[in-house]
């Protein structure tokens, strides 16, 4: 089968058994791949009520049908498990080249079950798979682990691609991440803690195969056409030159950037030393990209001297610049870069970690939790204390044990749950629904909590992308709730589609949906239509929503936190809050959900 390998590896970490399992073609037509295929497997073969930190919680790595192809934006893969942070559905879409290596090894994915008796490495060399002792790697940070594996596994042929956890995953930090080599991170939902609980230190893959296309001639023509399209695309060029942090200036002007734990509407002075021009002039070393990407937006940075000196490694993205910068009242980009580097090495989500620090800074300011409790002077902008908080959290040392539980649990333990800015226990990304009301609805209806990737509202309302072929053509006014339910319902389908294709959402924003259909047809030979793909997106969303329902989450959790429903007094979004009751009523009707937010039985197809 072209585009798909039609098989995956199932690894029982407890017994050491590794077996090949096969997929039927029908499953790809209905669930595509990536997180869609994972949701199907969860409901079909696994216990959707499983404890996230138990051997029974499977950890799944899956590719999409375009993964491993030469098409732009296809160098991504999915990681799925029940989330230790939210206790609900957890998924990540990660860049780099790991997914392509799995596909070129001849598999659509790898599913890990059970728990190894001690630290292990899973090594897939071509189609030869084995578990190896990883005791010598346990305790190393993610960069050290990757370096050690590259040395140990080097040989002839293709590069070795790795996914590993750091001390945070080993210690069960509930927002621990999984790091792909050194520049790409499966950051959200705490899936690194699942990996650590399984004693799985790392997964390493060398793909030795060659991608085959159903229509090689069409694939070559489409790759060239889309590369030319991206080369002349203004926003694609801007993303390359400025990186994701290029959105900071416009975000601040449009009321999108979090400031002082989401309590202030703007902080214009911070732009002087946090924006992408300062970034490029002061810390940027080079620009790199994911597998098969022609845009290349990733940054490699270095800080030569001072308290935030760091070696040349992956640089912070927009989300981190906000959550470790503006939201902490920190205007030092060098400090943000250091915090990002530390989180990457220790293996933690920068969004969640930044959110924990922000609420503690506010708690100290309000006299709720001071230095006597935390052992740290977490006054606004104190980045030396923030960096120490990161170290303590990864080690679960002292008050770090409380920080490692995540922002909602921490704020609740302090008697101030209103300081946490989460939906379903997952922290907001750095995009404010008071500036763009549809974001709030997308956060509430997202299948993993507050997320800007489960739905493409950020691209559509934020003006980065439009798909007139399905009626999504802006510009749209951000600070209104009118019409946002219809927009969000379509955006949810496209978001699920991209996460199942394992397509980069930036590249997806720069291309048409018809381009996606063309790529899929050339890769797989399936006669997919755009309408069929949109139905796949909604089908996948219903499956994930059904899993939420089974775990007791519905209308009760389709809410925004108090911070997001409190208007700011300054900035572009001053006085604006989304009308959640209106938007929820409208999208429930579009989705056919009942008053409790439950998926109708006829929408759950297994």
Protein backbone atom coordinates (compact mmCIF):
# COMPACT_ATOMS: atom_id res chain seq x y z
CA UNK A 1 0.00 0.00 0.00
CA UNK A 2 1.45 3.36 -0.99
CA UNK A 3 1.49 6.23 1.51
CA UNK A 4 0.83 3.71 4.25
CA UNK A 5 2.84 0.71 5.39
CA UNK A 6 -0.39 -0.89 6.69
CA UNK A 7 1.39 -2.24 9.76
CA UNK A 8 2.70 -1.09 13.11
CA UNK A 9 4.87 -2.48 15.90
CA UNK A 10 3.35 -3.45 19.23
CA UNK A 11 5.90 -3.62 22.03
CA UNK A 12 5.12 -5.26 25.36
CA UNK A 13 7.67 -3.65 27.66
CA UNK A 14 6.86 -6.05 30.50
CA UNK A 15 7.52 -9.29 28.62
CA UNK A 16 9.85 -7.90 25.97
CA UNK A 17 7.67 -9.28 23.17
CA UNK A 18 7.67 -7.31 19.91
CA UNK A 19 5.15 -8.16 17.22
CA UNK A 20 4.00 -6.76 13.92
CA UNK A 21 0.32 -5.93 13.59
CA UNK A 22 -1.50 -5.03 10.40
CA UNK A 23 -4.12 -2.45 9.45
CA UNK A 24 -6.94 -2.84 6.99
CA UNK A 25 -7.24 -0.29 4.19
CA UNK A 26 -10.69 0.78 5.38
CA UNK A 27 -9.22 2.24 8.58
CA UNK A 28 -7.07 4.70 6.66
CA UNK A 29 -10.06 5.84 4.64
CA UNK A 30 -11.97 6.58 7.85
CA UNK A 31 -9.30 7.74 10.32
CA UNK A 32 -6.38 8.72 8.01
CA UNK A 33 -3.46 8.16 10.44
CA UNK A 34 -1.74 10.03 13.26
CA UNK A 35 -4.06 10.93 16.12
CA UNK A 36 -7.13 9.71 14.23
CA UNK A 37 -5.80 6.19 13.98
CA UNK A 38 -4.68 6.35 17.61
CA UNK A 39 -8.17 7.36 18.78
CA UNK A 40 -9.67 4.45 16.87
CA UNK A 41 -7.21 1.98 18.43
CA UNK A 42 -7.85 3.35 21.91
CA UNK A 43 -11.59 2.78 21.65
CA UNK A 44 -11.31 -0.50 19.77
CA UNK A 45 -8.65 -2.33 21.77
CA UNK A 46 -7.79 -0.43 24.94
CA UNK A 47 -9.43 0.77 28.12
CA UNK A 48 -10.45 4.43 27.69
CA UNK A 49 -10.77 4.69 31.50
CA UNK A 50 -7.15 3.68 32.13
CA UNK A 51 -5.06 5.47 34.77
CA UNK A 52 -2.58 7.68 32.87
CA UNK A 53 0.29 6.60 35.13
CA UNK A 54 -0.24 2.87 34.96
CA UNK A 55 1.32 0.15 32.78
CA UNK A 56 -2.03 -0.24 31.02
CA UNK A 57 -1.86 3.26 29.49
CA UNK A 58 -0.46 2.73 25.97
CA UNK A 59 2.07 5.17 24.53
CA UNK A 60 1.58 5.45 20.79
CA UNK A 61 3.80 6.98 18.12
CA UNK A 62 2.04 7.26 14.74
CA UNK A 63 2.76 8.71 11.31
CA UNK A 64 0.37 10.14 8.76
CA UNK A 65 -0.01 9.17 5.11
CA UNK A 66 2.25 12.05 3.99
CA UNK A 67 4.97 11.42 6.59
CA UNK A 68 8.23 10.53 4.88
CA UNK A 69 7.22 12.00 1.53
CA UNK A 70 8.90 14.92 -0.21
CA UNK A 71 5.81 17.09 0.22
CA UNK A 72 6.34 20.28 2.26
CA UNK A 73 5.07 20.20 5.84
CA UNK A 74 5.02 16.40 6.00
CA UNK A 75 7.90 15.91 8.44
CA UNK A 76 5.75 15.44 11.51
CA UNK A 77 4.35 12.61 13.62
CA UNK A 78 1.95 12.11 16.53
CA UNK A 79 2.41 10.92 20.10
CA UNK A 80 -0.70 9.81 22.01
CA UNK A 81 -1.57 8.54 25.50
CA UNK A 82 -3.92 9.42 28.31
CA UNK A 83 -2.57 12.60 29.89
CA UNK A 84 -1.14 12.60 33.44
CA UNK A 85 -1.68 16.38 33.50
CA UNK A 86 -5.38 16.49 32.66
CA UNK A 87 -6.40 12.88 33.31
CA UNK A 88 -8.00 12.99 29.86
CA UNK A 89 -7.06 12.46 26.22
CA UNK A 90 -3.48 13.49 25.47
CA UNK A 91 -1.81 14.03 22.11
CA UNK A 92 1.15 15.85 20.57
CA UNK A 93 2.11 16.69 17.00
CA UNK A 94 5.89 16.91 16.78
CA UNK A 95 8.26 18.02 14.03
CA UNK A 96 11.78 16.93 13.19
CA UNK A 97 12.53 13.74 11.30
CA UNK A 98 11.55 10.94 13.71
CA UNK A 99 8.24 10.17 11.98
CA UNK A 100 9.90 9.95 8.58
CA UNK A 101 12.42 7.46 10.00
CA UNK A 102 9.62 5.24 11.33
CA UNK A 103 7.84 5.31 7.97
CA UNK A 104 11.07 4.57 6.08
CA UNK A 105 11.67 1.65 8.43
CA UNK A 106 8.44 0.20 7.05
CA UNK A 107 5.91 0.98 9.78
CA UNK A 108 3.06 3.44 10.38
CA UNK A 109 3.76 3.55 14.08
CA UNK A 110 4.90 1.98 17.32
CA UNK A 111 2.66 1.19 20.31
CA UNK A 112 4.23 0.60 23.72
CA UNK A 113 2.30 -1.31 26.36
CA UNK A 114 3.14 -2.38 29.90
CA UNK A 115 6.15 -1.38 31.95
CA UNK A 116 9.75 -2.51 31.64
CA UNK A 117 11.39 -3.88 34.81
CA UNK A 118 14.21 -1.37 34.39
CA UNK A 119 15.31 1.44 32.05
CA UNK A 120 15.19 0.41 28.39
CA UNK A 121 15.90 1.73 24.92
CA UNK A 122 13.79 0.64 21.96
CA UNK A 123 15.97 0.38 18.86
CA UNK A 124 14.51 -0.03 15.37
CA UNK A 125 17.15 -0.44 12.64
CA UNK A 126 15.33 -0.92 9.36
CA UNK A 127 12.84 -3.67 10.12
CA UNK A 128 14.93 -5.13 12.97
CA UNK A 129 13.58 -4.19 16.39
CA UNK A 130 14.92 -4.86 19.87
CA UNK A 131 14.83 -3.65 23.47
CA UNK A 132 18.17 -2.78 25.05
CA UNK A 133 19.22 -1.94 28.58
CA UNK A 134 19.32 1.82 29.14
CA UNK A 135 20.52 1.99 32.73
CA UNK A 136 23.55 3.99 31.62
CA UNK A 137 21.24 6.60 30.08
CA UNK A 138 18.91 7.03 33.05
CA UNK A 139 19.51 10.37 34.70
CA UNK A 140 20.98 12.02 31.61
CA UNK A 141 19.25 15.04 30.14
CA UNK A 142 17.66 14.80 26.70
CA UNK A 143 20.58 16.38 24.83
CA UNK A 144 23.11 14.13 26.56
CA UNK A 145 20.93 11.11 25.80
CA UNK A 146 20.71 11.98 22.12
CA UNK A 147 24.47 12.53 21.89
CA UNK A 148 25.18 9.21 23.60
CA UNK A 149 22.75 7.34 21.32
CA UNK A 150 24.18 8.93 18.18
CA UNK A 151 27.60 7.67 19.20
CA UNK A 152 26.45 4.20 20.27
CA UNK A 153 24.21 3.53 17.26
CA UNK A 154 26.21 5.14 14.50
CA UNK A 155 26.81 3.04 11.42
CA UNK A 156 26.38 3.01 7.71
CA UNK A 157 23.19 4.17 6.07
CA UNK A 158 20.60 6.72 7.14
CA UNK A 159 20.75 8.92 10.22
CA UNK A 160 19.56 7.74 13.61
CA UNK A 161 16.49 9.63 14.83
CA UNK A 162 15.68 9.67 18.53
CA UNK A 163 12.88 10.51 20.93
CA UNK A 164 13.87 10.64 24.58
CA UNK A 165 12.89 11.87 28.00
CA UNK A 166 14.95 13.75 30.55
CA UNK A 167 14.94 13.78 34.36
CA UNK A 168 11.45 15.36 34.41
CA UNK A 169 9.95 12.34 32.66
CA UNK A 170 11.89 9.96 34.87
CA UNK A 171 10.57 11.75 37.97
CA UNK A 172 6.95 11.82 36.81
CA UNK A 173 6.53 15.57 36.32
CA UNK A 174 2.96 15.78 35.04
CA UNK A 175 3.91 18.06 32.16
CA UNK A 176 7.10 16.24 31.17
CA UNK A 177 7.89 16.31 27.46
CA UNK A 178 9.42 13.95 24.91
CA UNK A 179 12.25 15.49 22.89
CA UNK A 180 13.03 14.59 19.28
CA UNK A 181 16.83 14.86 19.09
CA UNK A 182 17.48 18.47 20.23
CA UNK A 183 15.15 20.77 18.34
CA UNK A 184 11.62 19.38 18.28
CA UNK A 185 9.46 18.64 21.32
CA UNK A 186 6.28 16.66 21.97
CA UNK A 187 5.64 19.13 24.72
CA UNK A 188 2.08 19.13 25.90
CA UNK A 189 -0.10 16.79 28.01
CA UNK A 190 2.77 15.28 30.03
CA UNK A 191 3.42 12.31 27.77
CA UNK A 192 7.05 12.29 28.90
CA UNK A 193 5.76 11.20 32.31
CA UNK A 194 3.97 8.26 30.67
CA UNK A 195 7.22 7.29 28.96
CA UNK A 196 9.12 7.58 32.23
CA UNK A 197 6.54 5.55 34.10
CA UNK A 198 7.12 2.78 31.57
CA UNK A 199 10.90 2.96 32.16
CA UNK A 200 11.26 3.74 28.47
CA UNK A 201 14.17 6.17 28.32
CA UNK A 202 14.38 6.53 24.56
CA UNK A 203 13.21 5.34 21.16
CA UNK A 204 15.78 5.32 18.35
CA UNK A 205 15.05 4.59 14.70
CA UNK A 206 17.10 4.27 11.54
CA UNK A 207 14.86 4.13 8.48
CA UNK A 208 16.57 2.32 5.62
CA UNK A 209 13.75 2.23 3.10
CA UNK A 210 12.57 4.50 0.33
CA UNK A 211 9.22 6.22 0.09
CA UNK A 212 6.97 4.91 -2.67
CA UNK A 213 4.13 6.88 -4.23
CA UNK A 214 0.99 5.64 -5.89
CA UNK A 215 1.63 8.18 -8.65
CA UNK A 216 5.36 9.12 -8.68
CA UNK A 217 5.05 11.49 -11.64
CA UNK A 218 2.18 13.40 -10.05
CA UNK A 219 4.08 13.49 -6.74
CA UNK A 220 7.11 15.12 -8.40
CA UNK A 221 4.92 17.71 -10.14
CA UNK A 222 2.99 18.51 -6.96
CA UNK A 223 6.17 18.81 -4.84
CA UNK A 224 7.67 21.27 -7.31
CA UNK A 225 4.44 23.24 -7.68
CA UNK A 226 3.97 23.59 -3.92
CA UNK A 227 7.62 24.45 -3.33
CA UNK A 228 7.29 27.26 -5.89
CA UNK A 229 4.04 28.37 -4.25
CA UNK A 230 5.68 28.58 -0.83
CA UNK A 231 8.71 30.36 -2.24
CA UNK A 232 6.51 33.23 -3.37
CA UNK A 233 4.25 33.28 -0.31
CA UNK A 234 4.68 36.42 1.81
CA UNK A 235 3.80 34.81 5.13
CA UNK A 236 5.97 31.76 4.43
CA UNK A 237 8.90 34.09 3.74
CA UNK A 238 8.20 36.03 6.91
CA UNK A 239 8.05 32.80 8.95
CA UNK A 240 11.45 31.80 7.58
CA UNK A 241 13.06 35.17 8.26
CA UNK A 242 11.51 35.87 11.66
CA UNK A 243 10.45 32.47 12.99
CA UNK A 244 7.26 31.93 14.96
CA UNK A 245 8.24 34.83 17.23
CA UNK A 246 7.51 37.13 14.31
CA UNK A 247 3.95 37.08 15.62
CA UNK A 248 4.88 38.88 18.84
CA UNK A 249 4.60 42.47 17.58
CA UNK A 250 1.28 42.02 15.80
CA UNK A 251 0.05 39.87 18.67
CA UNK A 252 0.69 42.62 21.19
CA UNK A 253 -1.07 45.14 18.97
CA UNK A 254 -4.11 42.89 18.48
CA UNK A 255 -4.62 41.88 22.11
CA UNK A 256 -3.31 38.33 21.70
CA UNK A 257 -0.27 38.22 24.02
CA UNK A 258 -0.49 37.16 27.70
CA UNK A 259 1.01 39.65 30.15
CA UNK A 260 1.49 39.30 33.92
CA UNK A 261 -0.34 35.99 34.24
CA UNK A 262 -3.07 37.09 31.85
CA UNK A 263 -4.05 40.08 33.99
CA UNK A 264 -2.74 42.98 31.86
CA UNK A 265 -3.77 43.85 28.31
CA UNK A 266 -0.44 44.98 26.88
CA UNK A 267 3.23 45.62 27.63
CA UNK A 268 4.65 47.51 24.68
CA UNK A 269 8.08 48.17 26.21
CA UNK A 270 8.84 44.43 26.20
CA UNK A 271 8.81 44.38 22.40
CA UNK A 272 12.12 46.26 22.28
CA UNK A 273 14.08 43.27 23.57
CA UNK A 274 11.77 40.30 22.88
CA UNK A 275 10.83 40.79 19.23
CA UNK A 276 12.29 38.85 16.30
CA UNK A 277 14.54 41.64 15.08
CA UNK A 278 16.31 41.71 18.44
CA UNK A 279 16.26 37.89 18.38
CA UNK A 280 17.96 37.74 14.96
CA UNK A 281 20.54 40.40 15.84
CA UNK A 282 21.53 39.10 19.27
CA UNK A 283 21.10 35.35 19.78
CA UNK A 284 20.36 33.72 16.40
CA UNK A 285 23.10 31.45 15.04
CA UNK A 286 21.33 29.74 12.14
CA UNK A 287 17.97 28.68 10.74
CA UNK A 288 17.05 25.02 10.31
CA UNK A 289 13.95 23.05 9.38
CA UNK A 290 12.04 19.81 9.77
CA UNK A 291 12.21 16.91 7.34
CA UNK A 292 11.20 17.90 3.79
CA UNK A 293 10.39 21.48 4.80
CA UNK A 294 11.16 24.23 2.31
CA UNK A 295 10.17 27.08 4.65
CA UNK A 296 12.50 26.24 7.56
CA UNK A 297 11.41 28.30 10.56
CA UNK A 298 13.34 26.72 13.44
CA UNK A 299 15.99 28.74 15.23
CA UNK A 300 19.36 27.71 16.65
CA UNK A 301 20.62 30.20 19.22
CA UNK A 302 23.54 30.91 21.53
CA UNK A 303 24.09 33.30 24.43
CA UNK A 304 27.81 33.94 24.74
CA UNK A 305 28.09 35.45 28.20
CA UNK A 306 26.33 36.70 31.28
CA UNK A 307 23.99 34.96 33.74
CA UNK A 308 22.03 33.36 30.91
CA UNK A 309 24.95 32.04 28.87
CA UNK A 310 24.10 28.87 26.95
CA UNK A 311 25.69 26.69 24.30
CA UNK A 312 24.43 26.60 20.73
CA UNK A 313 21.08 24.78 20.75
CA UNK A 314 17.40 25.05 19.82
CA UNK A 315 15.93 28.52 20.30
CA UNK A 316 12.61 29.54 21.86
CA UNK A 317 9.42 29.70 19.79
CA UNK A 318 6.72 32.38 20.13
CA UNK A 319 4.84 30.44 22.83
CA UNK A 320 7.93 30.26 25.01
CA UNK A 321 8.87 33.91 24.47
CA UNK A 322 5.42 34.79 25.81
CA UNK A 323 5.08 32.27 28.64
CA UNK A 324 8.67 32.75 29.85
CA UNK A 325 8.77 36.43 28.85
CA UNK A 326 5.76 38.73 28.82
CA UNK A 327 3.65 36.57 31.13
CA UNK A 328 6.40 36.70 33.77
CA UNK A 329 7.09 40.42 33.21
CA UNK A 330 10.53 39.41 31.93
CA UNK A 331 11.88 41.43 29.02
CA UNK A 332 15.19 39.57 28.68
CA UNK A 333 15.24 37.38 25.57
CA UNK A 334 18.52 35.87 26.80
CA UNK A 335 16.74 34.73 29.97
CA UNK A 336 13.91 33.26 27.86
CA UNK A 337 16.47 31.37 25.75
CA UNK A 338 18.10 29.98 28.89
CA UNK A 339 14.74 28.89 30.34
CA UNK A 340 13.85 27.25 27.04
CA UNK A 341 17.19 25.44 26.91
CA UNK A 342 16.83 24.23 30.49
CA UNK A 343 13.29 22.94 29.91
CA UNK A 344 14.36 21.17 26.71
CA UNK A 345 17.30 19.51 28.43
CA UNK A 346 15.30 18.44 31.48
CA UNK A 347 12.34 17.48 29.28
CA UNK A 348 9.44 19.78 30.24
CA UNK A 349 6.75 21.75 28.44
CA UNK A 350 7.71 25.43 28.46
CA UNK A 351 4.06 26.51 28.32
CA UNK A 352 3.12 24.55 31.44
CA UNK A 353 6.31 25.43 33.31
CA UNK A 354 5.94 29.12 32.48
CA UNK A 355 2.34 29.01 33.65
CA UNK A 356 3.35 27.50 36.99
CA UNK A 357 5.95 30.23 37.53
CA UNK A 358 3.50 32.99 36.54
CA UNK A 359 0.83 31.93 39.01
CA UNK A 360 3.44 31.70 41.79
CA UNK A 361 4.66 35.19 40.96
CA UNK A 362 1.10 36.47 41.25
CA UNK A 363 0.55 34.41 44.40
CA UNK A 364 3.64 35.99 45.99
CA UNK A 365 2.49 39.48 44.99
CA UNK A 366 -0.90 38.84 46.59
CA UNK A 367 0.54 37.30 49.76
CA UNK A 368 -0.88 33.84 49.03
CA UNK A 369 2.43 31.99 48.69
CA UNK A 370 5.71 33.67 49.52
CA UNK A 371 9.37 32.79 49.79
CA UNK A 372 8.76 31.06 53.09
CA UNK A 373 6.67 28.41 51.31
CA UNK A 374 8.43 28.12 47.97
CA UNK A 375 11.99 28.84 49.06
CA UNK A 376 12.25 31.25 46.11
CA UNK A 377 11.84 34.98 45.64
CA UNK A 378 9.37 34.75 42.79
CA UNK A 379 8.78 38.44 42.34
CA UNK A 380 7.79 39.54 38.84
CA UNK A 381 10.63 39.22 36.34
CA UNK A 382 13.07 37.47 38.70
CA UNK A 383 14.48 35.01 36.19
CA UNK A 384 17.23 33.66 38.43
CA UNK A 385 14.47 32.37 40.72
CA UNK A 386 12.46 31.18 37.71
CA UNK A 387 15.40 29.12 36.45
CA UNK A 388 15.82 27.57 39.88
CA UNK A 389 12.10 26.76 39.90
CA UNK A 390 12.59 24.87 36.63
CA UNK A 391 15.44 22.82 38.13
CA UNK A 392 13.51 22.05 41.33
CA UNK A 393 10.42 21.02 39.35
CA UNK A 394 12.28 18.55 37.13
CA UNK A 395 13.86 16.96 40.20
CA UNK A 396 10.65 17.15 42.30
CA UNK A 397 12.93 18.64 44.92
CA UNK A 398 11.38 20.58 47.82
CA UNK A 399 8.55 22.81 46.61
CA UNK A 400 9.35 21.54 43.13
CA UNK A 401 7.28 18.49 44.03
CA UNK A 402 4.19 20.71 44.19
CA UNK A 403 5.12 22.61 41.02
CA UNK A 404 5.50 19.28 39.18
CA UNK A 405 1.79 18.60 39.63
CA UNK A 406 0.90 21.40 37.18
CA UNK A 407 -0.66 24.81 37.51
CA UNK A 408 -4.27 23.84 38.27
CA UNK A 409 -3.37 21.36 40.99
CA UNK A 410 -0.85 23.81 42.44
CA UNK A 411 -3.25 26.76 42.44
CA UNK A 412 -5.96 24.61 44.00
CA UNK A 413 -3.59 23.46 46.75
CA UNK A 414 -2.87 27.14 47.50
CA UNK A 415 -6.58 27.84 47.81
CA UNK A 416 -6.48 30.06 44.71
CA UNK A 417 -7.62 27.99 41.70
CA UNK A 418 -8.54 31.25 39.92
CA UNK A 419 -4.82 31.90 39.36
CA UNK A 420 -4.54 28.93 36.98
CA UNK A 421 -5.38 29.59 33.33
CA UNK A 422 -6.44 26.21 31.98
CA UNK A 423 -9.18 24.29 30.21
CA UNK A 424 -9.49 20.65 31.25
CA UNK A 425 -6.32 21.09 33.29
CA UNK A 426 -4.15 22.10 30.35
CA UNK A 427 -2.59 25.55 30.32
CA UNK A 428 -3.51 28.17 27.75
CA UNK A 429 -1.13 28.62 24.84
CA UNK A 430 -0.02 32.23 24.31
CA UNK A 431 -3.16 33.39 22.49
CA UNK A 432 -5.81 35.41 24.31
CA UNK A 433 -9.50 34.63 23.66
CA UNK A 434 -10.39 38.13 24.86
CA UNK A 435 -8.76 39.39 21.67
CA UNK A 436 -10.13 36.64 19.42
CA UNK A 437 -13.34 35.14 20.76
CA UNK A 438 -13.28 32.06 18.57
CA UNK A 439 -10.08 30.97 20.27
CA UNK A 440 -12.06 30.63 23.49
CA UNK A 441 -14.58 28.36 21.84
CA UNK A 442 -11.79 26.31 20.27
CA UNK A 443 -10.13 25.92 23.68
CA UNK A 444 -13.40 24.79 25.24
CA UNK A 445 -14.19 22.32 22.44
CA UNK A 446 -10.63 21.08 21.93
CA UNK A 447 -10.13 17.41 22.67
CA UNK A 448 -7.04 17.82 24.84
CA UNK A 449 -7.92 21.05 26.65
CA UNK A 450 -6.74 24.56 25.89
CA UNK A 451 -4.99 24.11 22.57
CA UNK A 452 -4.27 26.22 19.50
CA UNK A 453 -3.49 23.15 17.36
CA UNK A 454 -6.61 20.99 17.80
CA UNK A 455 -8.47 23.59 15.78
CA UNK A 456 -7.21 26.08 13.21
CA UNK A 457 -8.99 29.16 14.62
CA UNK A 458 -5.59 30.72 15.24
CA UNK A 459 -4.81 30.54 11.53
CA UNK A 460 -8.23 31.68 10.32
CA UNK A 461 -9.14 34.38 12.86
CA UNK A 462 -5.52 35.43 13.21
CA UNK A 463 -5.27 36.02 9.47
CA UNK A 464 -2.55 33.52 8.59
CA UNK A 465 -4.71 31.23 6.49
CA UNK A 466 -8.01 31.02 4.68
CA UNK A 467 -9.78 28.25 2.84
CA UNK A 468 -12.45 29.81 0.63
CA UNK A 469 -13.22 26.40 -0.84
CA UNK A 470 -15.11 25.62 2.38
CA UNK A 471 -16.30 29.15 3.15
CA UNK A 472 -13.45 30.20 5.46
CA UNK A 473 -12.36 33.46 3.95
CA UNK A 474 -11.50 36.41 6.16
CA UNK A 475 -10.66 38.84 7.36
CA UNK A 476 -12.62 38.15 10.54
CA UNK A 477 -13.16 40.53 13.42
CA UNK A 478 -11.52 39.11 16.54
CA UNK A 479 -13.46 40.74 19.35
CA UNK A 480 -16.91 39.44 18.53
CA UNK A 481 -18.62 36.14 19.29
CA UNK A 482 -21.04 36.43 16.37
CA UNK A 483 -20.55 33.75 13.73
CA UNK A 484 -17.65 32.13 15.58
CA UNK A 485 -19.44 28.83 16.21
CA UNK A 486 -19.78 28.12 12.49
CA UNK A 487 -16.16 29.10 11.89
CA UNK A 488 -14.95 26.96 14.79
CA UNK A 489 -16.94 23.91 13.69
CA UNK A 490 -15.11 23.95 10.36
CA UNK A 491 -11.80 24.77 12.02
CA UNK A 492 -12.15 21.76 14.33
CA UNK A 493 -12.44 19.44 11.33
CA UNK A 494 -9.35 20.91 9.64
CA UNK A 495 -7.40 20.77 12.91
CA UNK A 496 -8.18 17.07 13.31
CA UNK A 497 -7.36 16.53 9.66
CA UNK A 498 -3.91 18.13 10.01
CA UNK A 499 -3.17 16.19 13.21
CA UNK A 500 -4.10 12.93 11.52
CA UNK A 501 -2.24 13.71 8.32
CA UNK A 502 0.65 14.81 10.59
CA UNK A 503 0.83 17.98 8.52
CA UNK A 504 2.51 21.15 9.77
CA UNK A 505 -0.26 23.67 10.43
CA UNK A 506 1.87 26.56 9.20
CA UNK A 507 2.44 24.90 5.85
CA UNK A 508 -1.20 23.86 5.83
CA UNK A 509 -2.17 27.51 6.27
CA UNK A 510 -0.12 28.54 3.25
CA UNK A 511 -1.64 25.86 0.99
CA UNK A 512 -5.20 25.24 -0.12
CA UNK A 513 -7.20 22.24 1.05
CA UNK A 514 -7.31 21.16 -2.58
CA UNK A 515 -3.50 20.99 -2.41
CA UNK A 516 -3.89 18.57 0.52
CA UNK A 517 -6.21 16.40 -1.55
CA UNK A 518 -3.71 16.38 -4.44
CA UNK A 519 -0.85 15.30 -2.16
CA UNK A 520 -2.92 12.53 -0.61
CA UNK A 521 -4.07 11.16 -3.94
CA UNK A 522 -0.53 11.09 -5.34
CA UNK A 523 0.85 9.45 -2.19
CA UNK A 524 -1.85 6.86 -1.52
CA UNK A 525 -3.77 6.34 -4.74
CA UNK A 526 -7.03 6.77 -2.83
CA UNK A 527 -9.64 8.84 -4.65
CA UNK A 528 -10.25 11.09 -1.65
CA UNK A 529 -12.41 14.18 -2.10
CA UNK A 530 -12.31 17.32 0.02
CA UNK A 531 -15.78 16.60 1.40
CA UNK A 532 -14.66 13.12 2.42
CA UNK A 533 -11.62 14.51 4.23
CA UNK A 534 -13.73 17.05 6.12
CA UNK A 535 -16.02 14.23 7.21
CA UNK A 536 -12.93 12.33 8.40
CA UNK A 537 -11.95 15.35 10.49
CA UNK A 538 -15.32 15.52 12.21
CA UNK A 539 -15.41 11.72 12.64
CA UNK A 540 -12.07 11.86 14.44
CA UNK A 541 -13.19 14.79 16.61
CA UNK A 542 -16.30 12.85 17.65
CA UNK A 543 -14.16 9.83 18.66
CA UNK A 544 -11.92 11.95 20.86
CA UNK A 545 -14.86 13.85 22.33
CA UNK A 546 -16.48 10.48 23.09
CA UNK A 547 -13.37 9.46 25.03
CA UNK A 548 -13.67 12.68 27.03
CA UNK A 549 -17.33 11.86 27.71
CA UNK A 550 -16.43 8.36 28.90
CA UNK A 551 -13.98 9.90 31.36
CA UNK A 552 -16.67 12.23 32.73
CA UNK A 553 -15.81 15.36 30.77
CA UNK A 554 -18.48 17.24 28.83
CA UNK A 555 -20.39 20.49 29.27
CA UNK A 556 -18.98 20.75 32.79
CA UNK A 557 -15.51 21.29 31.33
CA UNK A 558 -16.44 23.35 28.25
CA UNK A 559 -15.63 26.52 30.16
CA UNK A 560 -12.94 29.15 30.23
CA UNK A 561 -11.11 30.02 33.47
CA UNK A 562 -11.88 33.22 35.43
CA UNK A 563 -8.83 35.04 34.05
CA UNK A 564 -10.09 34.65 30.46
CA UNK A 565 -13.54 35.90 31.46
CA UNK A 566 -12.23 39.01 33.24
CA UNK A 567 -11.73 41.98 30.90
CA UNK A 568 -8.44 43.84 30.90
CA UNK A 569 -8.35 47.60 31.42
CA UNK A 570 -5.71 48.46 28.83
CA UNK A 571 -4.59 47.46 25.34
CA UNK A 572 -6.53 46.49 22.24
CA UNK A 573 -8.69 43.88 23.98
CA UNK A 574 -9.68 46.15 26.90
CA UNK A 575 -13.24 45.45 28.01
CA UNK A 576 -13.65 42.44 25.71
CA UNK A 577 -14.66 38.93 26.81
CA UNK A 578 -16.09 36.10 24.69
CA UNK A 579 -19.80 35.24 24.97
CA UNK A 580 -19.27 31.58 25.75
CA UNK A 581 -22.92 30.73 26.40
CA UNK A 582 -23.92 31.98 22.96
CA UNK A 583 -21.08 30.26 21.11
CA UNK A 584 -21.46 26.96 22.98
CA UNK A 585 -25.20 26.79 22.31
CA UNK A 586 -24.57 27.35 18.61
CA UNK A 587 -21.75 24.84 18.23
CA UNK A 588 -23.61 22.21 20.25
CA UNK A 589 -26.42 22.49 17.72
CA UNK A 590 -24.00 22.20 14.79
CA UNK A 591 -22.31 19.15 16.36
CA UNK A 592 -25.54 17.52 17.51
CA UNK A 593 -24.40 17.36 21.16
CA UNK A 594 -26.98 17.14 23.92
CA UNK A 595 -27.22 19.60 26.81
CA UNK A 596 -24.48 17.73 28.69
CA UNK A 597 -22.12 17.93 25.76
CA UNK A 598 -22.38 14.24 24.96
CA UNK A 599 -21.66 12.83 21.51
CA UNK A 600 -24.70 11.16 19.90
CA UNK A 601 -24.26 7.36 19.57
CA UNK A 602 -24.56 7.39 15.77
CA UNK A 603 -21.43 9.61 15.56
CA UNK A 604 -19.19 7.07 17.30
CA UNK A 605 -18.07 4.65 14.59
CA UNK A 606 -15.75 1.83 15.61
